[in-house]
Protein backbone atom coordinates (compact mmCIF):
# COMPACT_ATOMS: atom_id res chain seq x y z
CA MET A 1 -50.37 -3.32 -7.43
CA VAL A 2 -48.67 -6.41 -8.90
CA LYS A 3 -46.07 -4.24 -10.65
CA LEU A 4 -45.34 -2.44 -7.39
CA ARG A 5 -44.79 -5.75 -5.59
CA LEU A 6 -42.44 -6.91 -8.33
CA VAL A 7 -40.43 -3.71 -8.07
CA VAL A 8 -40.21 -4.04 -4.28
CA VAL A 9 -39.19 -7.71 -4.56
CA ALA A 10 -36.59 -6.86 -7.20
CA ALA A 11 -35.18 -4.06 -5.02
CA LEU A 12 -34.97 -6.35 -1.98
CA MET A 13 -33.23 -9.02 -4.05
CA GLY A 14 -30.69 -6.42 -5.17
CA VAL A 15 -30.02 -5.33 -1.59
CA LEU A 16 -29.65 -8.93 -0.46
CA ALA A 17 -27.27 -9.66 -3.31
CA LEU A 18 -25.14 -6.65 -2.40
CA THR A 19 -25.04 -7.44 1.29
CA ALA A 20 -24.25 -11.09 0.68
CA GLY A 21 -21.51 -10.12 -1.76
CA ALA A 22 -22.90 -12.39 -4.45
CA GLU A 23 -25.42 -12.17 -7.26
CA ALA A 24 -28.95 -13.37 -6.65
CA SER A 25 -29.76 -16.59 -8.46
CA ALA A 26 -33.08 -15.29 -9.76
CA SER A 27 -32.80 -12.14 -11.77
CA THR A 28 -34.91 -9.27 -12.83
CA THR A 29 -34.46 -7.56 -16.13
CA VAL A 30 -35.76 -4.25 -17.35
CA SER A 31 -37.06 -4.60 -20.88
CA ALA A 32 -38.27 -1.04 -21.29
CA PRO A 33 -38.13 2.04 -19.11
CA GLY A 34 -40.46 1.51 -16.20
CA HIS A 35 -41.49 -2.02 -17.29
CA VAL A 36 -40.05 -4.74 -15.04
CA VAL A 37 -40.17 -8.40 -15.95
CA ALA A 38 -39.52 -10.71 -13.00
CA GLY A 39 -37.95 -14.11 -13.37
CA ALA A 40 -36.35 -13.50 -16.75
CA PRO A 41 -33.53 -16.00 -17.09
CA ARG A 42 -29.98 -14.74 -16.87
CA ALA A 43 -26.82 -16.78 -16.82
CA VAL A 44 -25.08 -16.53 -13.50
CA HIS A 45 -21.56 -17.81 -13.24
CA ALA A 46 -20.12 -17.72 -9.80
CA LYS A 47 -16.36 -17.54 -9.85
CA LYS A 48 -14.35 -17.52 -6.72
CA LYS A 49 -11.84 -14.76 -6.84
CA LYS A 50 -8.47 -15.54 -5.44
CA LYS A 51 -7.16 -12.94 -3.12
CA HIS A 52 -3.65 -11.96 -4.04
CA LYS A 53 -1.62 -9.88 -1.72
CA LYS A 54 0.05 -7.20 -3.77
CA LYS A 55 3.70 -6.94 -2.98
CA LYS A 56 4.69 -3.36 -2.39
CA ALA A 57 7.87 -2.56 -4.22
CA ALA A 58 10.74 -0.88 -2.48
CA ALA A 59 11.40 2.71 -3.54
CA ILE A 60 13.99 2.89 -6.30
CA LEU A 61 15.99 6.02 -6.98
CA LYS A 62 18.03 6.62 -10.11
CA VAL A 63 19.98 9.43 -11.70
CA GLY A 64 18.07 11.43 -14.28
CA SER A 65 18.53 14.67 -16.13
CA ILE A 66 16.68 18.00 -16.06
CA PRO A 67 17.81 21.32 -17.59
CA ALA A 68 19.43 22.27 -14.24
CA GLY A 69 21.62 19.13 -14.26
CA SER A 70 21.77 15.53 -13.01
CA VAL A 71 19.26 14.79 -10.26
CA LEU A 72 17.57 11.98 -8.37
CA VAL A 73 14.44 10.62 -10.03
CA GLY A 74 11.90 7.98 -9.08
CA GLY A 75 12.96 4.70 -10.63
CA VAL A 76 9.48 3.61 -11.72
CA ASP A 77 8.25 6.72 -13.50
CA GLY A 78 11.39 8.88 -13.75
CA ARG A 79 9.83 11.86 -11.99
CA THR A 80 12.14 14.43 -10.41
CA VAL A 81 12.75 14.10 -6.67
CA TYR A 82 12.87 17.21 -4.46
CA MET A 83 13.95 18.36 -1.01
CA LEU A 84 12.61 21.20 1.12
CA ALA A 85 15.50 23.48 2.08
CA ARG A 86 14.08 24.56 5.45
CA GLU A 87 13.76 20.99 6.77
CA THR A 88 16.60 20.42 9.18
CA SER A 89 15.65 17.00 10.51
CA THR A 90 14.10 13.80 9.22
CA THR A 91 10.68 14.76 10.60
CA SER A 92 8.59 16.17 7.77
CA ILE A 93 7.15 19.65 8.11
CA CYS A 94 5.24 19.16 4.86
CA THR A 95 1.88 17.85 6.06
CA GLY A 96 -1.80 18.44 5.27
CA PRO A 97 -2.29 20.49 2.09
CA CYS A 98 1.48 20.64 1.55
CA ALA A 99 1.64 16.85 1.41
CA GLN A 100 -1.08 16.83 -1.26
CA ILE A 101 1.05 19.01 -3.51
CA TRP A 102 4.37 17.49 -2.45
CA PRO A 103 3.79 13.77 -1.82
CA ALA A 104 6.58 12.09 0.10
CA VAL A 105 8.75 9.48 -1.57
CA VAL A 106 7.92 6.45 0.56
CA ALA A 107 9.35 2.95 0.79
CA ALA A 108 7.57 -0.26 1.72
CA GLY A 109 10.93 -1.93 2.29
CA THR A 110 14.55 -0.97 1.95
CA PRO A 111 14.97 1.69 -0.74
CA VAL A 112 17.22 0.85 -3.67
CA ALA A 113 19.96 3.12 -5.02
CA GLY A 114 20.40 2.86 -8.77
CA PRO A 115 23.72 3.29 -10.61
CA GLY A 116 25.48 6.55 -9.79
CA LEU A 117 23.96 6.87 -6.32
CA ASP A 118 25.64 6.19 -2.99
CA LYS A 119 23.50 3.58 -1.20
CA SER A 120 25.10 4.52 2.14
CA LYS A 121 23.33 7.91 1.85
CA LEU A 122 19.94 6.23 1.40
CA SER A 123 17.64 5.44 4.34
CA VAL A 124 14.07 5.90 5.56
CA ALA A 125 12.52 7.90 8.40
CA MET A 126 9.20 6.96 10.00
CA GLN A 127 6.77 9.89 9.86
CA ALA A 128 3.80 10.69 12.11
CA SER A 129 1.54 9.34 9.33
CA GLY A 130 3.19 5.94 9.72
CA ALA A 131 4.87 6.12 6.32
CA ASN A 132 8.56 5.37 5.83
CA GLN A 133 9.75 8.44 3.96
CA VAL A 134 12.90 8.03 1.90
CA VAL A 135 15.93 10.07 2.98
CA TYR A 136 18.99 10.76 0.83
CA ALA A 137 22.09 12.45 2.28
CA GLY A 138 20.00 13.58 5.26
CA HIS A 139 17.20 15.13 3.15
CA LEU A 140 13.59 13.93 3.17
CA LEU A 141 12.51 13.33 -0.41
CA TYR A 142 9.34 14.44 -2.19
CA PHE A 143 7.71 14.41 -5.61
CA PHE A 144 5.89 17.47 -7.02
CA SER A 145 2.30 16.87 -8.10
CA GLY A 146 2.75 19.31 -10.99
CA ASP A 147 5.40 17.10 -12.63
CA THR A 148 3.73 14.61 -14.94
CA ALA A 149 6.54 13.25 -17.10
CA PRO A 150 10.22 12.33 -16.85
CA GLY A 151 12.35 15.47 -17.12
CA ASP A 152 9.68 17.76 -15.66
CA ALA A 153 11.07 20.00 -12.93
CA LYS A 154 8.20 22.44 -12.39
CA GLY A 155 8.73 22.27 -8.63
CA LEU A 156 11.92 24.33 -9.00
CA ALA A 157 9.72 27.40 -9.50
CA ILE A 158 8.42 27.06 -5.93
CA PRO A 159 10.59 28.96 -3.40
CA GLY A 160 12.44 26.71 -0.95
CA TRP A 161 12.19 23.54 -3.05
CA HIS A 162 15.19 22.05 -4.86
CA ALA A 163 15.91 18.95 -6.90
CA VAL A 164 18.54 16.69 -5.36
CA ALA A 165 21.91 15.99 -7.00
CA PRO A 166 23.47 12.50 -6.86
CA ASP A 167 25.86 13.78 -4.17
CA GLY A 168 22.89 14.98 -2.07
CA SER A 169 23.29 18.70 -2.69
CA PRO A 170 20.40 20.96 -3.80
CA VAL A 171 19.97 21.66 -7.51
CA GLY A 172 18.10 24.66 -8.93
CA GLY A 173 15.23 26.38 -7.26
CA THR A 174 15.13 29.60 -5.33
């Protein structure tokens, strides 16, 4: 009966600690499976965590190289950037499951054109999701989830998808 009370008290203390967002000052330790020792001392150091607002970086596009030629790549990780040939406006038709496979290139601020790119061709278009999707030479830009390293261009095997040349024209694909 005493052990059961200790377990209940320990469980309640854990719930209170979680809901209060802090550790309980008295602790319970388990010394062996099923054997609970209440009141065992444990050092508790309360540190206040500073909340830092993470600054979202603007999308950066650069010129990279794949076997099909020079193309736009994401500036942070160097992944190939794609366009969907059948999109004729700056409203994305790639939503739902498509967007899981082809995530949009988005910008938190003004996108940045690296060397070799025409910054006047670079803009953003607000999508229904609320994201600012990056546009280059009138084409909405996407990454392919199957590309994992710089130079990968596995998305070119998918009909209708093309990499994007520095002048904005489609590269490769079918």
